[in-house]
N, C-alpha and C. Protein backbone atom coordinates (compact mmCIF):
# COMPACT_ATOMS: atom_id res chain seq x y z
N UNK A 1 125.40 82.09 107.24
CA UNK A 1 126.14 81.41 106.15
C UNK A 1 127.11 82.62 105.57
N UNK A 2 128.45 82.60 106.32
CA UNK A 2 129.36 83.35 105.59
C UNK A 2 129.97 82.80 104.34
N UNK A 3 130.24 83.88 103.38
CA UNK A 3 130.72 83.81 102.33
C UNK A 3 131.68 84.76 101.86
N UNK A 4 132.78 84.80 101.11
CA UNK A 4 133.56 85.59 100.89
C UNK A 4 133.13 86.15 99.47
N UNK A 5 132.22 85.69 98.68
CA UNK A 5 131.46 86.24 97.47
C UNK A 5 130.44 87.01 97.85
N UNK A 6 130.37 88.23 97.21
CA UNK A 6 129.59 89.33 97.26
C UNK A 6 128.26 88.97 96.78
N UNK A 7 127.24 89.04 97.41
CA UNK A 7 125.86 88.89 96.88
C UNK A 7 125.31 89.40 95.72
N UNK A 8 125.13 88.85 94.45
CA UNK A 8 125.04 89.51 93.33
C UNK A 8 124.11 90.42 93.51
N UNK A 9 122.97 90.81 94.50
CA UNK A 9 122.11 91.95 94.56
C UNK A 9 122.63 92.90 95.45
N UNK A 10 123.98 92.54 96.15
CA UNK A 10 124.39 93.49 97.14
C UNK A 10 124.35 94.93 96.58
N UNK A 11 123.84 95.92 97.46
CA UNK A 11 123.87 97.37 97.02
C UNK A 11 122.71 97.89 96.02
N UNK A 12 121.81 96.75 95.64
CA UNK A 12 120.75 97.04 94.83
C UNK A 12 119.42 97.45 95.86
N UNK A 13 118.28 98.17 95.08
CA UNK A 13 117.20 98.85 95.80
C UNK A 13 116.16 97.75 95.75
N UNK A 14 115.94 97.15 96.84
CA UNK A 14 115.05 96.29 96.97
C UNK A 14 113.67 96.79 97.66
N UNK A 15 112.85 96.60 97.51
CA UNK A 15 111.55 96.97 98.24
C UNK A 15 110.62 95.86 98.67
N UNK A 16 110.43 95.53 99.70
CA UNK A 16 109.24 94.37 100.12
C UNK A 16 107.94 94.93 100.61
N UNK A 17 106.87 94.64 99.96
CA UNK A 17 105.49 95.10 100.24
C UNK A 17 104.96 93.99 101.16
N UNK A 18 104.66 94.07 102.50
CA UNK A 18 104.13 92.77 103.25
C UNK A 18 103.27 93.31 104.31
N UNK A 19 102.74 92.52 105.12
CA UNK A 19 101.85 93.02 106.31
C UNK A 19 102.98 92.72 107.49
N UNK A 20 102.69 93.11 108.63
CA UNK A 20 103.40 93.01 109.96
C UNK A 20 103.68 91.42 110.45
N UNK A 21 102.94 90.89 110.28
CA UNK A 21 102.90 89.40 110.83
C UNK A 21 102.59 88.33 109.68
N UNK A 22 102.80 88.61 108.43
CA UNK A 22 103.09 87.57 107.44
C UNK A 22 103.94 86.61 107.53
N UNK A 23 103.65 85.28 107.72
CA UNK A 23 104.90 84.23 107.82
C UNK A 23 105.38 84.26 106.35
N UNK A 24 104.81 84.52 105.48
CA UNK A 24 105.35 84.26 104.03
C UNK A 24 106.32 85.36 103.77
N UNK A 25 105.94 86.50 104.24
CA UNK A 25 106.69 87.90 104.18
C UNK A 25 108.11 87.61 105.14
N UNK A 26 108.05 86.81 106.24
CA UNK A 26 108.97 86.79 107.15
C UNK A 26 110.06 85.89 106.38
N UNK A 27 109.46 85.01 105.41
CA UNK A 27 110.69 84.15 104.73
C UNK A 27 111.52 85.04 104.16
N UNK A 28 111.07 86.41 103.62
CA UNK A 28 111.87 87.30 102.42
C UNK A 28 112.89 87.86 103.66
N UNK A 29 112.05 88.45 104.62
CA UNK A 29 113.02 89.12 105.74
C UNK A 29 114.13 88.46 106.16
N UNK A 30 113.80 87.40 106.58
CA UNK A 30 114.84 86.28 106.77
C UNK A 30 115.98 86.05 105.87
N UNK A 31 115.58 85.87 104.86
CA UNK A 31 116.40 85.73 103.71
C UNK A 31 117.31 86.97 103.27
N UNK A 32 116.86 88.07 103.41
CA UNK A 32 117.79 89.45 103.19
C UNK A 32 118.57 89.29 104.18
N UNK A 33 118.22 89.07 105.74
CA UNK A 33 118.95 89.17 106.79
C UNK A 33 120.01 88.12 106.68
N UNK A 34 119.73 87.07 106.25
CA UNK A 34 120.90 85.92 106.47
C UNK A 34 121.86 85.96 105.11
N UNK A 35 121.41 86.47 104.07
CA UNK A 35 121.92 86.76 102.90
C UNK A 35 122.76 88.18 102.84
N UNK A 36 122.66 89.01 104.12
CA UNK A 36 123.09 90.38 103.86
C UNK A 36 122.87 91.43 103.17
N UNK A 37 121.47 91.42 102.87
CA UNK A 37 120.94 92.27 101.83
C UNK A 37 119.86 93.22 102.75
N UNK A 38 120.22 94.59 101.95
CA UNK A 38 119.26 95.54 102.72
C UNK A 38 117.93 95.52 101.90
N UNK A 39 116.79 95.88 102.58
CA UNK A 39 115.47 95.45 101.95
C UNK A 39 114.73 96.75 102.53
N UNK A 40 114.30 97.72 101.93
CA UNK A 40 112.89 98.48 102.34
C UNK A 40 111.89 97.62 102.53
N UNK A 41 111.13 98.34 103.25
CA UNK A 41 109.85 97.57 103.75
C UNK A 41 108.68 98.60 103.78
N UNK A 42 107.66 98.04 103.11
CA UNK A 42 106.41 98.92 103.37
C UNK A 42 105.13 98.00 103.72
N UNK A 43 104.83 98.33 104.80
CA UNK A 43 103.71 97.25 105.68
C UNK A 43 102.34 97.60 105.23
N UNK A 44 101.58 96.70 104.85
CA UNK A 44 100.19 96.95 104.67
C UNK A 44 99.23 96.70 105.83
N UNK A 45 97.96 96.85 105.86
CA UNK A 45 97.14 96.42 106.80
C UNK A 45 95.84 95.70 106.37
N UNK A 46 96.01 94.38 106.63
CA UNK A 46 94.96 93.78 106.07
C UNK A 46 93.44 94.28 106.34
N UNK A 47 93.34 94.38 107.86
CA UNK A 47 92.07 94.59 108.49
C UNK A 47 91.39 95.98 107.86
N UNK A 48 92.25 96.90 107.25
CA UNK A 48 91.87 98.06 106.81
C UNK A 48 92.08 98.16 105.26
N UNK A 49 91.68 96.68 104.76
CA UNK A 49 91.45 96.39 103.19
C UNK A 49 92.68 97.00 102.48
N UNK A 50 93.87 97.16 102.74
CA UNK A 50 94.89 97.50 101.91
C UNK A 50 94.98 96.11 100.79
N UNK A 51 95.18 95.24 101.12
CA UNK A 51 95.49 94.39 100.22
C UNK A 51 94.49 94.01 98.99
N UNK A 52 93.05 94.75 99.09
CA UNK A 52 92.10 94.74 98.30
C UNK A 52 92.17 96.01 97.43
N UNK A 53 92.94 96.91 97.68
CA UNK A 53 93.00 98.52 97.16
C UNK A 53 93.64 98.10 95.60
N UNK A 54 93.10 98.90 94.60
CA UNK A 54 93.32 98.95 93.29
C UNK A 54 95.06 98.78 92.81
N UNK A 55 95.56 100.05 93.73
CA UNK A 55 97.05 100.23 93.83
C UNK A 55 97.64 98.83 94.25
N UNK A 56 97.30 98.20 95.21
CA UNK A 56 97.98 96.83 95.72
C UNK A 56 97.66 95.81 94.34
N UNK A 57 96.65 95.70 94.25
CA UNK A 57 96.16 94.73 93.10
C UNK A 57 96.95 94.65 91.88
N UNK A 58 97.55 95.99 91.44
CA UNK A 58 98.02 96.26 90.39
C UNK A 58 99.44 95.68 90.40
N UNK A 59 100.02 95.61 91.93
CA UNK A 59 101.20 94.90 91.98
C UNK A 59 101.12 93.41 91.86
N UNK A 60 100.21 92.95 92.61
CA UNK A 60 99.78 91.35 92.58
C UNK A 60 98.42 91.09 92.62
N UNK A 61 97.85 90.86 91.24
CA UNK A 61 96.22 90.50 91.26
C UNK A 61 95.92 89.54 92.17
N UNK A 62 96.62 88.63 92.55
CA UNK A 62 96.19 87.59 93.57
C UNK A 62 95.64 88.42 95.07
N UNK A 63 96.28 89.42 95.41
CA UNK A 63 95.97 90.31 96.47
C UNK A 63 96.51 89.48 97.68
N UNK A 64 97.77 89.12 97.60
CA UNK A 64 98.38 88.45 98.72
C UNK A 64 99.97 89.19 98.87
N UNK A 65 100.44 89.12 99.96
CA UNK A 65 101.98 89.75 100.32
C UNK A 65 102.56 88.42 100.56
N UNK A 66 103.85 88.11 100.29
CA UNK A 66 104.97 89.26 100.07
C UNK A 66 104.87 89.83 98.66
N UNK A 67 105.20 90.87 98.17
CA UNK A 67 105.66 91.07 96.81
C UNK A 67 106.95 92.09 96.99
N UNK A 68 107.75 91.70 95.92
CA UNK A 68 109.19 92.46 95.87
C UNK A 68 108.97 93.10 94.86
N UNK A 69 109.73 94.43 94.88
CA UNK A 69 110.15 94.98 93.74
C UNK A 69 111.73 95.10 93.79
N UNK A 70 112.24 94.64 92.42
CA UNK A 70 113.55 94.36 92.16
C UNK A 70 113.96 95.67 91.77
N UNK A 71 115.58 95.67 91.70
CA UNK A 71 116.22 96.99 91.24
C UNK A 71 115.92 97.67 90.19
N UNK A 72 115.39 96.61 88.97
CA UNK A 72 115.12 97.05 87.71
C UNK A 72 113.48 97.41 87.75
N UNK A 73 113.02 97.35 88.81
CA UNK A 73 111.57 97.93 88.62
C UNK A 73 110.42 96.93 88.65
N UNK A 74 111.09 95.68 88.50
CA UNK A 74 109.64 94.31 88.44
C UNK A 74 109.30 94.21 89.67
N UNK A 75 108.11 93.93 89.91
CA UNK A 75 107.38 93.24 90.74
C UNK A 75 107.22 91.98 90.75
N UNK A 76 107.77 91.07 92.00
CA UNK A 76 107.59 89.67 92.02
C UNK A 76 106.64 89.27 93.29
N UNK A 77 106.04 88.15 92.84
CA UNK A 77 105.05 88.00 93.95
C UNK A 77 105.49 86.56 94.30
N UNK A 78 104.90 85.65 95.48
CA UNK A 78 104.81 84.54 95.67
C UNK A 78 106.28 84.28 96.42
N UNK A 79 106.06 83.96 97.72
CA UNK A 79 107.33 83.78 98.35
C UNK A 79 108.54 82.69 97.92
N UNK A 80 107.85 81.80 97.46
CA UNK A 80 108.95 80.71 96.67
C UNK A 80 109.51 81.17 95.71
N UNK A 81 108.84 81.95 94.78
CA UNK A 81 109.62 82.63 93.39
C UNK A 81 110.50 83.80 93.91
N UNK A 82 110.24 84.49 95.06
CA UNK A 82 111.11 85.39 95.62
C UNK A 82 112.31 84.85 96.31
N UNK A 83 112.32 83.94 96.99
CA UNK A 83 113.39 83.20 97.74
C UNK A 83 114.42 82.63 96.67
N UNK A 84 113.95 82.17 95.41
CA UNK A 84 114.67 81.70 94.17
C UNK A 84 115.34 82.76 93.80
N UNK A 85 114.74 83.95 93.51
CA UNK A 85 115.33 85.09 93.20
C UNK A 85 116.47 85.58 93.96
N UNK A 86 116.41 85.58 95.10
CA UNK A 86 117.20 86.15 95.85
C UNK A 86 118.34 85.24 96.17
N UNK A 87 118.15 83.81 96.02
CA UNK A 87 119.22 82.83 96.41
C UNK A 87 120.26 82.57 95.27
N UNK A 88 119.69 83.22 93.82
CA UNK A 88 120.48 82.94 92.71
C UNK A 88 121.88 83.22 92.79
N UNK A 89 123.02 82.64 92.48
CA UNK A 89 124.19 83.01 92.67
C UNK A 89 124.89 82.99 93.99
N UNK A 90 124.37 82.15 95.10
CA UNK A 90 124.70 82.40 96.43
C UNK A 90 124.66 80.91 96.74
N UNK A 91 125.46 80.51 97.89
CA UNK A 91 125.02 79.40 98.50
C UNK A 91 123.94 78.89 98.77
N UNK A 92 123.08 79.72 99.01
CA UNK A 92 121.74 79.52 99.65
C UNK A 92 120.97 78.93 98.37
N UNK A 93 121.43 78.85 97.21
CA UNK A 93 120.61 77.95 96.33
C UNK A 93 121.89 77.43 95.23
N UNK A 94 122.58 76.44 95.73
CA UNK A 94 123.62 75.93 94.97
C UNK A 94 123.48 75.62 93.69
N UNK A 95 124.37 75.67 92.75
CA UNK A 95 124.06 75.50 91.19
C UNK A 95 123.85 74.04 90.68
N UNK A 96 124.53 73.17 91.52
CA UNK A 96 124.77 71.70 91.03
C UNK A 96 123.58 71.16 91.11
N UNK A 97 123.20 70.43 90.12
CA UNK A 97 121.55 69.80 89.77
C UNK A 97 120.98 69.27 90.88
N UNK A 98 122.10 68.27 91.59
CA UNK A 98 121.53 67.37 92.48
C UNK A 98 120.97 68.15 93.75
N UNK A 99 121.52 69.18 94.16
CA UNK A 99 121.36 69.94 95.31
C UNK A 99 120.13 70.83 95.00
N UNK A 100 120.22 71.45 93.83
CA UNK A 100 118.93 72.23 93.34
C UNK A 100 117.58 71.34 93.34
N UNK A 101 117.61 70.26 93.02
CA UNK A 101 116.50 69.44 92.80
C UNK A 101 115.90 69.09 94.22
N UNK A 102 116.62 68.93 95.11
CA UNK A 102 116.51 68.83 96.74
C UNK A 102 115.73 69.96 97.13
N UNK A 103 116.61 71.23 96.92
CA UNK A 103 115.99 72.02 97.45
C UNK A 103 114.59 72.47 96.65
N UNK A 104 114.46 72.16 95.42
CA UNK A 104 113.22 72.29 94.71
C UNK A 104 111.91 71.31 95.39
N UNK A 105 112.35 70.16 96.03
CA UNK A 105 111.47 69.02 96.31
C UNK A 105 111.05 69.49 97.62
N UNK A 106 111.74 70.18 98.76
CA UNK A 106 111.44 70.60 99.84
C UNK A 106 110.81 71.82 99.92
N UNK A 107 111.08 72.63 98.67
CA UNK A 107 110.04 74.04 98.43
C UNK A 107 108.79 73.56 98.21
N UNK A 108 108.34 72.52 97.26
CA UNK A 108 107.25 72.09 96.79
C UNK A 108 106.71 71.29 98.25
N UNK A 109 107.35 70.48 99.04
CA UNK A 109 107.00 69.90 100.19
C UNK A 109 106.37 71.51 101.06
N UNK A 110 107.14 72.07 100.88
CA UNK A 110 106.62 73.34 102.03
C UNK A 110 105.09 73.83 101.71
N UNK A 111 105.07 73.93 100.35
CA UNK A 111 103.84 74.64 100.00
C UNK A 111 102.56 73.51 99.79
N UNK A 112 103.08 72.45 99.65
CA UNK A 112 101.78 71.41 99.41
C UNK A 112 101.46 70.61 100.70
N UNK A 113 102.54 70.26 101.43
CA UNK A 113 102.40 69.45 102.67
C UNK A 113 102.34 70.03 104.31
N UNK A 114 102.89 71.42 104.10
CA UNK A 114 103.22 71.82 105.31
C UNK A 114 102.52 73.28 105.30
N UNK A 115 102.76 74.34 104.52
CA UNK A 115 102.41 75.58 105.21
C UNK A 115 101.04 75.89 105.59
N UNK A 116 99.90 75.28 104.85
CA UNK A 116 98.54 75.61 105.19
C UNK A 116 98.27 74.81 106.55
N UNK A 117 98.72 73.71 106.80
CA UNK A 117 98.49 72.98 107.97
C UNK A 117 98.94 73.67 109.10
N UNK A 118 100.13 74.55 109.08
CA UNK A 118 100.51 75.56 110.10
C UNK A 118 99.97 76.81 109.99
N UNK A 119 99.79 77.22 109.04
CA UNK A 119 99.21 78.75 108.66
C UNK A 119 98.01 79.01 109.37
N UNK A 120 97.06 78.08 108.92
CA UNK A 120 95.58 78.18 109.28
C UNK A 120 95.44 78.06 110.57
N UNK A 121 95.97 76.90 111.39
CA UNK A 121 95.74 77.21 112.67
C UNK A 121 96.06 78.65 113.39
N UNK A 122 97.35 79.04 113.08
CA UNK A 122 97.99 80.28 113.75
C UNK A 122 96.97 81.36 113.32
N UNK A 123 96.29 81.54 112.15
CA UNK A 123 95.59 82.50 111.26
C UNK A 123 94.30 82.50 112.49
N UNK A 124 93.63 81.42 112.63
CA UNK A 124 92.36 81.54 112.99
C UNK A 124 92.25 81.70 114.60
N UNK A 125 93.19 80.72 115.15
CA UNK A 125 93.46 80.70 116.64
C UNK A 125 93.82 81.76 117.27
N UNK A 126 95.00 82.39 116.66
CA UNK A 126 96.14 83.51 117.42
C UNK A 126 95.86 84.61 116.61
N UNK A 127 95.78 84.80 115.33
CA UNK A 127 95.78 86.24 114.84
C UNK A 127 94.16 86.36 114.83
N UNK A 128 93.08 85.90 113.96
CA UNK A 128 91.76 86.56 114.01
C UNK A 128 90.85 85.98 114.94
N UNK A 129 91.31 84.89 116.21
CA UNK A 129 90.85 84.58 117.25
C UNK A 129 89.22 84.02 116.88
N UNK A 130 88.88 83.54 115.86
CA UNK A 130 87.72 83.02 115.25
C UNK A 130 87.63 81.67 115.53
N UNK A 131 88.78 80.68 116.34
CA UNK A 131 88.29 79.53 116.37
C UNK A 131 89.25 79.25 117.55
N UNK A 132 88.78 78.07 118.28
CA UNK A 132 89.76 77.61 119.46
C UNK A 132 90.53 76.45 119.15
N UNK A 133 91.56 76.44 119.94
CA UNK A 133 92.58 75.43 119.65
C UNK A 133 92.34 73.85 119.56
N UNK A 134 91.01 73.61 120.18
CA UNK A 134 90.54 72.23 120.01
C UNK A 134 89.41 72.18 119.03
N UNK A 135 88.99 73.10 118.32
CA UNK A 135 87.78 72.93 117.38
C UNK A 135 88.23 71.99 116.45
N UNK A 136 87.37 71.16 115.93
CA UNK A 136 87.79 70.19 115.23
C UNK A 136 88.32 70.18 113.74
N UNK A 137 88.33 71.52 112.93
CA UNK A 137 88.66 72.06 111.97
C UNK A 137 90.23 72.37 112.42
N UNK A 138 90.47 72.96 113.67
CA UNK A 138 91.99 73.33 113.80
C UNK A 138 92.51 71.78 114.17
N UNK A 139 91.80 71.06 114.69
CA UNK A 139 92.40 69.68 115.14
C UNK A 139 92.66 68.99 113.67
N UNK A 140 91.99 68.78 112.73
CA UNK A 140 92.45 68.30 111.38
C UNK A 140 93.39 68.80 110.73
N UNK A 141 93.49 70.18 110.79
CA UNK A 141 94.73 70.72 110.16
C UNK A 141 96.04 70.20 110.96
N UNK A 142 95.98 70.21 112.11
CA UNK A 142 97.04 69.71 112.85
C UNK A 142 97.55 68.39 112.68
N UNK A 143 96.57 67.58 112.36
CA UNK A 143 96.78 65.95 111.98
C UNK A 143 97.69 65.97 110.70
N UNK A 144 97.25 66.87 109.81
CA UNK A 144 98.09 66.97 108.62
C UNK A 144 99.46 67.46 108.94
N UNK A 145 99.60 68.74 109.81
CA UNK A 145 100.84 69.26 110.10
C UNK A 145 101.66 68.21 110.69
N UNK A 146 101.27 67.48 111.63
CA UNK A 146 101.91 66.49 112.70
C UNK A 146 102.66 65.36 111.32
N UNK A 147 101.94 64.76 110.36
CA UNK A 147 102.49 64.02 109.37
C UNK A 147 103.47 64.88 108.77
N UNK A 148 103.49 66.30 108.64
CA UNK A 148 104.70 67.00 107.74
C UNK A 148 105.70 66.94 108.82
N UNK A 149 105.26 66.98 110.19
CA UNK A 149 106.58 66.99 111.18
C UNK A 149 107.50 65.92 111.26
N UNK A 150 106.60 64.71 111.15
CA UNK A 150 107.20 63.43 111.23
C UNK A 150 107.89 63.17 110.02
N UNK A 151 107.91 63.75 109.25
CA UNK A 151 108.65 63.38 107.61
C UNK A 151 109.84 64.39 107.77
N UNK A 152 109.85 65.59 108.44
CA UNK A 152 110.88 66.74 108.68
C UNK A 152 111.63 66.00 109.73
N UNK A 153 111.08 65.47 110.69
CA UNK A 153 111.90 64.87 111.92
C UNK A 153 112.78 63.97 111.40
N UNK A 154 112.42 63.04 110.72
CA UNK A 154 113.32 61.76 110.12
C UNK A 154 114.11 62.19 109.32
N UNK A 155 113.95 63.23 108.34
CA UNK A 155 115.09 63.67 107.46
C UNK A 155 116.23 64.42 108.27
N UNK A 156 115.61 65.46 109.24
CA UNK A 156 116.59 66.35 110.14
C UNK A 156 117.47 65.19 110.72
N UNK A 157 116.90 64.19 111.69
CA UNK A 157 117.71 63.13 112.31
C UNK A 157 118.84 62.75 111.59
N UNK A 158 119.30 62.81 110.07
CA UNK A 158 120.12 62.29 109.45
C UNK A 158 121.22 63.29 108.93
N UNK A 159 120.80 64.79 108.71
CA UNK A 159 121.55 65.57 108.21
C UNK A 159 120.99 66.81 108.91
N UNK A 160 121.98 67.82 108.93
CA UNK A 160 121.74 69.25 109.60
C UNK A 160 120.63 69.94 108.80
N UNK A 161 120.68 70.10 107.66
CA UNK A 161 119.51 70.93 107.01
C UNK A 161 118.87 70.24 105.90
N UNK A 162 117.67 70.76 105.48
CA UNK A 162 116.93 69.76 104.45
C UNK A 162 117.60 69.43 103.13
N UNK A 163 118.50 70.34 102.69
CA UNK A 163 119.21 69.79 101.42
C UNK A 163 120.70 69.40 101.50
N UNK A 164 121.14 69.41 102.50
CA UNK A 164 122.31 68.64 102.85
C UNK A 164 122.87 69.17 104.08
N UNK A 165 124.27 69.70 103.91
CA UNK A 165 125.16 70.11 105.17
C UNK A 165 125.06 71.30 105.38
N UNK A 166 124.41 72.11 104.36
CA UNK A 166 124.61 73.66 104.60
C UNK A 166 123.13 74.22 104.42
N UNK A 167 122.74 75.48 104.90
CA UNK A 167 121.39 75.90 104.73
C UNK A 167 120.94 76.61 103.32
N UNK A 168 120.01 76.14 102.88
CA UNK A 168 119.51 76.60 101.61
C UNK A 168 118.03 77.66 101.99
N UNK A 169 117.55 78.26 100.71
CA UNK A 169 116.31 78.48 100.42
C UNK A 169 115.33 77.81 101.37
N UNK A 170 115.53 76.04 100.88
CA UNK A 170 114.41 75.25 101.35
C UNK A 170 114.32 75.55 103.01
N UNK A 171 115.35 75.74 103.76
CA UNK A 171 115.28 75.72 105.01
C UNK A 171 114.81 77.18 105.30
N UNK A 172 114.87 78.03 104.69
CA UNK A 172 114.17 79.43 105.18
C UNK A 172 112.82 79.41 104.81
N UNK A 173 112.45 78.63 103.75
CA UNK A 173 110.96 78.62 103.01
C UNK A 173 110.27 77.53 104.61
N UNK A 174 110.84 76.79 105.27
CA UNK A 174 110.18 75.90 105.90
C UNK A 174 110.69 76.52 107.61
N UNK A 175 111.34 77.50 107.63
CA UNK A 175 111.64 78.13 109.07
C UNK A 175 110.22 78.64 109.83
N UNK A 176 109.65 79.88 109.15
CA UNK A 176 108.67 80.58 109.73
C UNK A 176 107.61 79.80 110.30
N UNK A 177 106.79 79.24 109.60
CA UNK A 177 105.53 78.25 110.27
C UNK A 177 105.93 77.17 110.97
N UNK A 178 107.09 76.68 110.98
CA UNK A 178 107.42 75.59 111.96
C UNK A 178 107.57 76.37 113.21
N UNK A 179 108.35 77.36 113.12
CA UNK A 179 108.83 78.41 114.52
C UNK A 179 107.74 78.77 115.35
N UNK A 180 106.55 79.10 114.57
CA UNK A 180 105.18 79.79 114.89
C UNK A 180 104.50 78.57 115.28
N UNK A 181 104.64 77.42 115.22
CA UNK A 181 103.69 76.32 115.10
C UNK A 181 102.75 76.27 116.42
N UNK A 182 103.43 76.68 117.66
CA UNK A 182 102.68 76.57 118.86
C UNK A 182 101.63 77.59 118.82
N UNK A 183 101.50 78.71 118.36
CA UNK A 183 100.68 79.63 118.07
C UNK A 183 99.44 79.07 117.34
N UNK A 184 99.43 77.96 116.80
CA UNK A 184 98.29 77.09 116.35
C UNK A 184 97.93 75.93 117.16
N UNK A 185 98.48 75.57 118.43
CA UNK A 185 98.28 74.42 119.14
C UNK A 185 99.03 73.38 118.92
N UNK A 186 100.03 73.65 118.11
CA UNK A 186 100.90 72.35 117.82
C UNK A 186 101.94 72.16 119.23
N UNK A 187 102.46 71.23 119.41
CA UNK A 187 103.41 70.85 120.44
C UNK A 187 104.51 69.84 119.71
N UNK A 188 105.58 70.74 119.27
CA UNK A 188 106.81 70.15 118.75
C UNK A 188 107.91 69.76 119.53
N UNK A 189 107.66 69.77 120.98
CA UNK A 189 108.77 69.28 121.96
C UNK A 189 109.24 67.86 121.63
N UNK A 190 108.25 67.30 121.38
CA UNK A 190 108.91 65.94 120.98
C UNK A 190 109.64 65.42 119.86
N UNK A 191 110.18 66.48 118.91
CA UNK A 191 110.41 66.41 117.83
C UNK A 191 111.94 67.19 117.87
N UNK A 192 112.83 66.50 118.56
CA UNK A 192 114.12 66.71 118.78
C UNK A 192 115.11 67.22 117.72
N UNK A 193 114.98 66.80 116.35
CA UNK A 193 115.81 67.00 115.52
C UNK A 193 115.33 68.40 114.77
N UNK A 194 113.86 68.72 114.96
CA UNK A 194 113.09 69.81 114.20
C UNK A 194 113.82 70.84 115.50
N UNK A 195 113.73 70.76 116.62
CA UNK A 195 113.84 71.70 117.47
C UNK A 195 115.60 72.06 117.35
N UNK A 196 116.45 71.32 116.97
CA UNK A 196 117.90 71.32 116.88
C UNK A 196 118.09 72.28 115.94
N UNK A 197 117.32 71.97 114.75
CA UNK A 197 117.54 72.43 113.36
C UNK A 197 116.60 74.10 113.57
N UNK A 198 115.71 74.26 114.04
CA UNK A 198 115.54 75.52 114.44
C UNK A 198 116.42 76.29 115.15
N UNK A 199 116.99 75.70 116.08
CA UNK A 199 118.24 76.33 116.89
C UNK A 199 119.24 77.01 115.91
N UNK A 200 119.66 75.90 114.94
CA UNK A 200 120.72 76.10 114.05
C UNK A 200 120.32 77.33 113.36
N UNK A 201 119.18 77.34 112.81
CA UNK A 201 118.77 78.50 112.01
C UNK A 201 118.74 79.94 112.71
N UNK A 202 118.27 79.92 113.97
CA UNK A 202 118.36 81.12 114.68
C UNK A 202 119.79 81.86 114.85
N UNK A 203 120.49 80.68 115.06
CA UNK A 203 121.95 81.09 115.21
C UNK A 203 122.85 81.60 114.54
N UNK A 204 122.21 81.64 112.95
CA UNK A 204 122.78 82.03 111.87
C UNK A 204 122.95 83.56 111.73
N UNK A 205 124.37 84.07 111.44
CA UNK A 205 124.38 85.75 111.40
C UNK A 205 123.30 86.35 110.63
N UNK A 206 122.42 87.29 110.93
CA UNK A 206 121.67 87.95 110.31
C UNK A 206 120.05 87.72 110.35
N UNK A 207 119.94 86.87 111.43
CA UNK A 207 118.73 86.46 111.84
C UNK A 207 117.77 87.54 112.30
N UNK A 208 116.62 87.60 111.83
CA UNK A 208 115.76 88.65 111.89
C UNK A 208 114.35 87.99 112.37
N UNK A 209 113.82 88.62 113.54
CA UNK A 209 112.74 88.22 114.44
C UNK A 209 111.61 88.62 113.45
N UNK A 210 110.46 88.10 113.74
CA UNK A 210 109.21 88.35 113.02
C UNK A 210 108.80 89.81 113.16
N UNK A 211 108.48 90.35 114.38
CA UNK A 211 108.47 91.59 114.74
C UNK A 211 109.72 91.97 115.82
N UNK A 212 110.09 93.31 115.84
CA UNK A 212 111.04 93.89 116.79
C UNK A 212 110.66 93.63 118.05
N UNK A 213 111.67 92.85 119.06
CA UNK A 213 111.39 92.54 120.40
C UNK A 213 110.89 91.56 120.40
N UNK A 214 110.65 90.37 119.44
CA UNK A 214 110.21 89.23 119.68
C UNK A 214 111.25 88.42 120.42
N UNK A 215 111.13 87.41 121.22
CA UNK A 215 112.09 86.60 121.70
C UNK A 215 112.57 85.74 120.64
N UNK A 216 114.07 85.30 120.87
CA UNK A 216 114.61 84.32 119.58
C UNK A 216 114.13 83.06 119.93
């Protein structure tokens, strides 16, 4: 989303602590790419226990990524909080109350109705390989996720982005786990509005894949 106004954080030193395949951390990398921000990256290894080390727990006592170090040296955790920080003063977080309220509504939806239902099947089936795609618990997660997809489909059939006619941090929040849904056994081919929205997001200048070499 092009804008003639420089990003308030342009040129500042930002450091993202993440893991290589974290969907929540991908939100932040996408945001920086689409907003034209440079961000340094330090990737940790869950399997090696990096997130349980005292050094990391001093940054985020919850023991989760992403964590962003801002230019003034503060550490900010939780993807939604980081997206809000990055979006301030930009078209990605418009200042009018009506649009901000819509953005906040969809951020809440992503956290409460969407993320876990998509992230858990991907984690257990694709990453850890401790569950099969047809396991009852995975099927139950997808039932919740398909209900969320139905809400998203109906909404996106009426407008191109979640908060209106332009992309916002709400779209960034909802993109990663929706884009990776198939890794948890989802079939979203029957949701044309979602598919078109995913395509619009991928086509925005500055798109960053989850990993180098990943297909768009």
